[in-house]
Amino acid sequence: MDDLAALARGGGPHKNWALSIDLSGLKEAVDQYGRRSDGFGTAAGVVLISSFTSTALLRELPYVPAGLLGAAGGAYAVQLPRGNRIGDATRQVGRQVASLGEMLTTSSTGRKAKGHKRRR
């Protein structure tokens, strides 16, 4: 473990080696994901509902792997091109879930609901 830490710092027995993670394309990849899925609210709605659904349907799997499997499938399906029946249906469900979430967090006046203040 000490060798790995030294390698990450660029030290250790191999002075010319260092571990690094290139995140330069991450922002563009996230932006493309948002465009393909009709926004991050739609994508979040799809991931939420698909993880719950897969957890309910895949009862033989433990909860976390079943939820992750559903979330990954939903994250993939929401990016399918327009005109694809699965992609279009997935985006429609995601928009509905995002709309429901927005309705639940918005007061009747149209303002975002604030947490209640605690009395002392």
C-alpha atoms as a PDB file:
ATOM      1  CA  MET A   1       0.000   0.000   0.000  1.00  0.00           C
ATOM      2  CA  ASP A   2       2.900   2.325   0.738  1.00  0.00           C
ATOM      3  CA  ASP A   3       4.266   1.659  -2.739  1.00  0.00           C
ATOM      4  CA  LEU A   4       0.929   2.665  -4.275  1.00  0.00           C
ATOM      5  CA  ALA A   5       0.841   5.895  -2.256  1.00  0.00           C
ATOM      6  CA  ALA A   6       4.411   6.668  -3.298  1.00  0.00           C
ATOM      7  CA  LEU A   7       3.536   5.938  -6.922  1.00  0.00           C
ATOM      8  CA  ALA A   8       0.546   8.288  -6.737  1.00  0.00           C
ATOM      9  CA  ARG A   9       2.859  11.051  -5.481  1.00  0.00           C
ATOM     10  CA  GLY A  10       5.336  10.343  -8.242  1.00  0.00           C
ATOM     11  CA  GLY A  11       7.949   8.921  -5.903  1.00  0.00           C
ATOM     12  CA  GLY A  12       9.031   5.484  -4.871  1.00  0.00           C
ATOM     13  CA  PRO A  13      11.352   3.182  -6.755  1.00  0.00           C
ATOM     14  CA  HIS A  14       9.950   4.307 -10.126  1.00  0.00           C
ATOM     15  CA  LYS A  15      10.537   8.055 -10.168  1.00  0.00           C
ATOM     16  CA  ASN A  16       9.288   8.457 -13.751  1.00  0.00           C
ATOM     17  CA  TRP A  17       5.889   6.864 -13.084  1.00  0.00           C
ATOM     18  CA  ALA A  18       2.862   8.544 -11.545  1.00  0.00           C
ATOM     19  CA  LEU A  19      -0.847   7.774 -11.374  1.00  0.00           C
ATOM     20  CA  SER A  20      -3.193  10.337 -12.822  1.00  0.00           C
ATOM     21  CA  ILE A  21      -6.810  10.547 -13.902  1.00  0.00           C
ATOM     22  CA  ASP A  22      -7.675  12.546 -16.985  1.00  0.00           C
ATOM     23  CA  LEU A  23     -11.001  14.303 -16.395  1.00  0.00           C
ATOM     24  CA  SER A  24     -10.705  16.731 -19.302  1.00  0.00           C
ATOM     25  CA  GLY A  25     -13.557  15.169 -21.272  1.00  0.00           C
ATOM     26  CA  LEU A  26     -15.862  14.624 -18.302  1.00  0.00           C
ATOM     27  CA  LYS A  27     -17.730  17.942 -18.539  1.00  0.00           C
ATOM     28  CA  GLU A  28     -18.439  17.445 -22.242  1.00  0.00           C
ATOM     29  CA  ALA A  29     -19.601  13.864 -21.615  1.00  0.00           C
ATOM     30  CA  VAL A  30     -21.967  15.037 -18.864  1.00  0.00           C
ATOM     31  CA  ASP A  31     -23.330  17.792 -21.127  1.00  0.00           C
ATOM     32  CA  GLN A  32     -23.916  15.285 -23.940  1.00  0.00           C
ATOM     33  CA  TYR A  33     -25.722  12.979 -21.522  1.00  0.00           C
ATOM     34  CA  GLY A  34     -28.005  15.830 -20.491  1.00  0.00           C
ATOM     35  CA  ARG A  35     -28.785  16.704 -24.111  1.00  0.00           C
ATOM     36  CA  ARG A  36     -29.476  13.113 -25.159  1.00  0.00           C
ATOM     37  CA  SER A  37     -31.770  12.497 -22.201  1.00  0.00           C
ATOM     38  CA  ASP A  38     -33.818  15.732 -22.537  1.00  0.00           C
ATOM     39  CA  GLY A  39     -32.325  17.244 -19.403  1.00  0.00           C
ATOM     40  CA  PHE A  40     -30.988  16.084 -16.094  1.00  0.00           C
ATOM     41  CA  GLY A  41     -34.418  16.082 -14.435  1.00  0.00           C
ATOM     42  CA  THR A  42     -35.649  13.535 -16.964  1.00  0.00           C
ATOM     43  CA  ALA A  43     -32.494  11.467 -16.516  1.00  0.00           C
ATOM     44  CA  ALA A  44     -32.811  11.567 -12.726  1.00  0.00           C
ATOM     45  CA  GLY A  45     -36.460  10.513 -12.949  1.00  0.00           C
ATOM     46  CA  VAL A  46     -35.584   7.574 -15.180  1.00  0.00           C
ATOM     47  CA  VAL A  47     -32.736   6.419 -12.956  1.00  0.00           C
ATOM     48  CA  LEU A  48     -34.952   6.671  -9.871  1.00  0.00           C
ATOM     49  CA  ILE A  49     -37.936   4.794 -11.269  1.00  0.00           C
ATOM     50  CA  SER A  50     -35.857   2.138 -13.046  1.00  0.00           C
ATOM     51  CA  SER A  51     -33.874   1.381  -9.891  1.00  0.00           C
ATOM     52  CA  PHE A  52     -37.073   1.002  -7.838  1.00  0.00           C
ATOM     53  CA  THR A  53     -38.680  -1.147 -10.523  1.00  0.00           C
ATOM     54  CA  SER A  54     -35.714  -3.481 -10.896  1.00  0.00           C
ATOM     55  CA  THR A  55     -35.444  -3.858  -7.130  1.00  0.00           C
ATOM     56  CA  ALA A  56     -39.101  -4.926  -7.014  1.00  0.00           C
ATOM     57  CA  LEU A  57     -38.863  -7.261 -10.008  1.00  0.00           C
ATOM     58  CA  LEU A  58     -35.491  -8.876  -9.299  1.00  0.00           C
ATOM     59  CA  ARG A  59     -36.364 -10.123  -5.823  1.00  0.00           C
ATOM     60  CA  GLU A  60     -33.758 -12.893  -5.945  1.00  0.00           C
ATOM     61  CA  LEU A  61     -30.934 -10.327  -6.101  1.00  0.00           C
ATOM     62  CA  PRO A  62     -29.883  -8.232  -3.114  1.00  0.00           C
ATOM     63  CA  TYR A  63     -31.344  -4.719  -3.110  1.00  0.00           C
ATOM     64  CA  VAL A  64     -28.221  -2.757  -3.995  1.00  0.00           C
ATOM     65  CA  PRO A  65     -27.128  -4.794  -7.051  1.00  0.00           C
ATOM     66  CA  ALA A  66     -30.717  -4.927  -8.326  1.00  0.00           C
ATOM     67  CA  GLY A  67     -31.078  -1.165  -7.924  1.00  0.00           C
ATOM     68  CA  LEU A  68     -27.743  -0.479  -9.603  1.00  0.00           C
ATOM     69  CA  LEU A  69     -28.641  -2.781 -12.468  1.00  0.00           C
ATOM     70  CA  GLY A  70     -31.931  -0.956 -13.017  1.00  0.00           C
ATOM     71  CA  ALA A  71     -30.308   2.474 -12.701  1.00  0.00           C
ATOM     72  CA  ALA A  72     -27.663   1.547 -15.284  1.00  0.00           C
ATOM     73  CA  GLY A  73     -30.319   0.205 -17.645  1.00  0.00           C
ATOM     74  CA  GLY A  74     -32.411   3.337 -17.258  1.00  0.00           C
ATOM     75  CA  ALA A  75     -29.405   5.611 -17.740  1.00  0.00           C
ATOM     76  CA  TYR A  76     -28.672   3.764 -20.981  1.00  0.00           C
ATOM     77  CA  ALA A  77     -32.264   3.656 -22.246  1.00  0.00           C
ATOM     78  CA  VAL A  78     -32.894   7.372 -21.688  1.00  0.00           C
ATOM     79  CA  GLN A  79     -30.090   8.169 -24.152  1.00  0.00           C
ATOM     80  CA  LEU A  80     -31.423   6.074 -27.030  1.00  0.00           C
ATOM     81  CA  PRO A  81     -32.099   8.180 -30.140  1.00  0.00           C
ATOM     82  CA  ARG A  82     -35.400   9.890 -30.812  1.00  0.00           C
ATOM     83  CA  GLY A  83     -37.741   7.667 -32.773  1.00  0.00           C
ATOM     84  CA  ASN A  84     -36.661   4.593 -30.809  1.00  0.00           C
ATOM     85  CA  ARG A  85     -39.725   3.300 -28.962  1.00  0.00           C
ATOM     86  CA  ILE A  86     -37.823   2.343 -25.829  1.00  0.00           C
ATOM     87  CA  GLY A  87     -35.919   5.628 -25.688  1.00  0.00           C
ATOM     88  CA  ASP A  88     -39.032   7.726 -26.294  1.00  0.00           C
ATOM     89  CA  ALA A  89     -41.055   5.819 -23.678  1.00  0.00           C
ATOM     90  CA  THR A  90     -38.207   6.065 -21.175  1.00  0.00           C
ATOM     91  CA  ARG A  91     -37.894   9.824 -21.648  1.00  0.00           C
ATOM     92  CA  GLN A  92     -41.665  10.221 -21.291  1.00  0.00           C
ATOM     93  CA  VAL A  93     -41.663   8.330 -17.986  1.00  0.00           C
ATOM     94  CA  GLY A  94     -38.629  10.317 -16.807  1.00  0.00           C
ATOM     95  CA  ARG A  95     -40.364  13.624 -17.582  1.00  0.00           C
ATOM     96  CA  GLN A  96     -43.438  12.490 -15.634  1.00  0.00           C
ATOM     97  CA  VAL A  97     -41.380  11.459 -12.603  1.00  0.00           C
ATOM     98  CA  ALA A  98     -39.437  14.742 -12.736  1.00  0.00           C
ATOM     99  CA  SER A  99     -42.720  16.651 -12.985  1.00  0.00           C
ATOM    100  CA  LEU A 100     -44.100  14.792  -9.969  1.00  0.00           C
ATOM    101  CA  GLY A 101     -40.957  15.559  -7.993  1.00  0.00           C
ATOM    102  CA  GLU A 102     -41.227  19.223  -8.909  1.00  0.00           C
ATOM    103  CA  MET A 103     -44.900  19.316  -7.900  1.00  0.00           C
ATOM    104  CA  LEU A 104     -44.108  17.752  -4.538  1.00  0.00           C
ATOM    105  CA  THR A 105     -41.382  20.302  -3.801  1.00  0.00           C
ATOM    106  CA  THR A 106     -43.270  23.363  -5.017  1.00  0.00           C
ATOM    107  CA  SER A 107     -45.887  25.126  -2.928  1.00  0.00           C
ATOM    108  CA  SER A 108     -49.301  26.129  -4.273  1.00  0.00           C
ATOM    109  CA  THR A 109     -47.982  29.637  -4.959  1.00  0.00           C
ATOM    110  CA  GLY A 110     -45.463  28.318  -7.463  1.00  0.00           C
ATOM    111  CA  ARG A 111     -42.460  28.917  -5.226  1.00  0.00           C
ATOM    112  CA  LYS A 112     -40.089  26.230  -4.135  1.00  0.00           C
ATOM    113  CA  ALA A 113     -41.148  24.866  -0.764  1.00  0.00           C
ATOM    114  CA  LYS A 114     -38.829  25.718   2.089  1.00  0.00           C
ATOM    115  CA  GLY A 115     -38.146  23.534   5.051  1.00  0.00           C
ATOM    116  CA  HIS A 116     -40.193  24.359   8.117  1.00  0.00           C
ATOM    117  CA  LYS A 117     -38.519  26.347  10.849  1.00  0.00           C
ATOM    118  CA  ARG A 118     -38.038  24.656  14.150  1.00  0.00           C
ATOM    119  CA  ARG A 119     -39.518  26.317  17.194  1.00  0.00           C
ATOM    120  CA  ARG A 120     -37.218  26.748  20.121  1.00  0.00           C
END
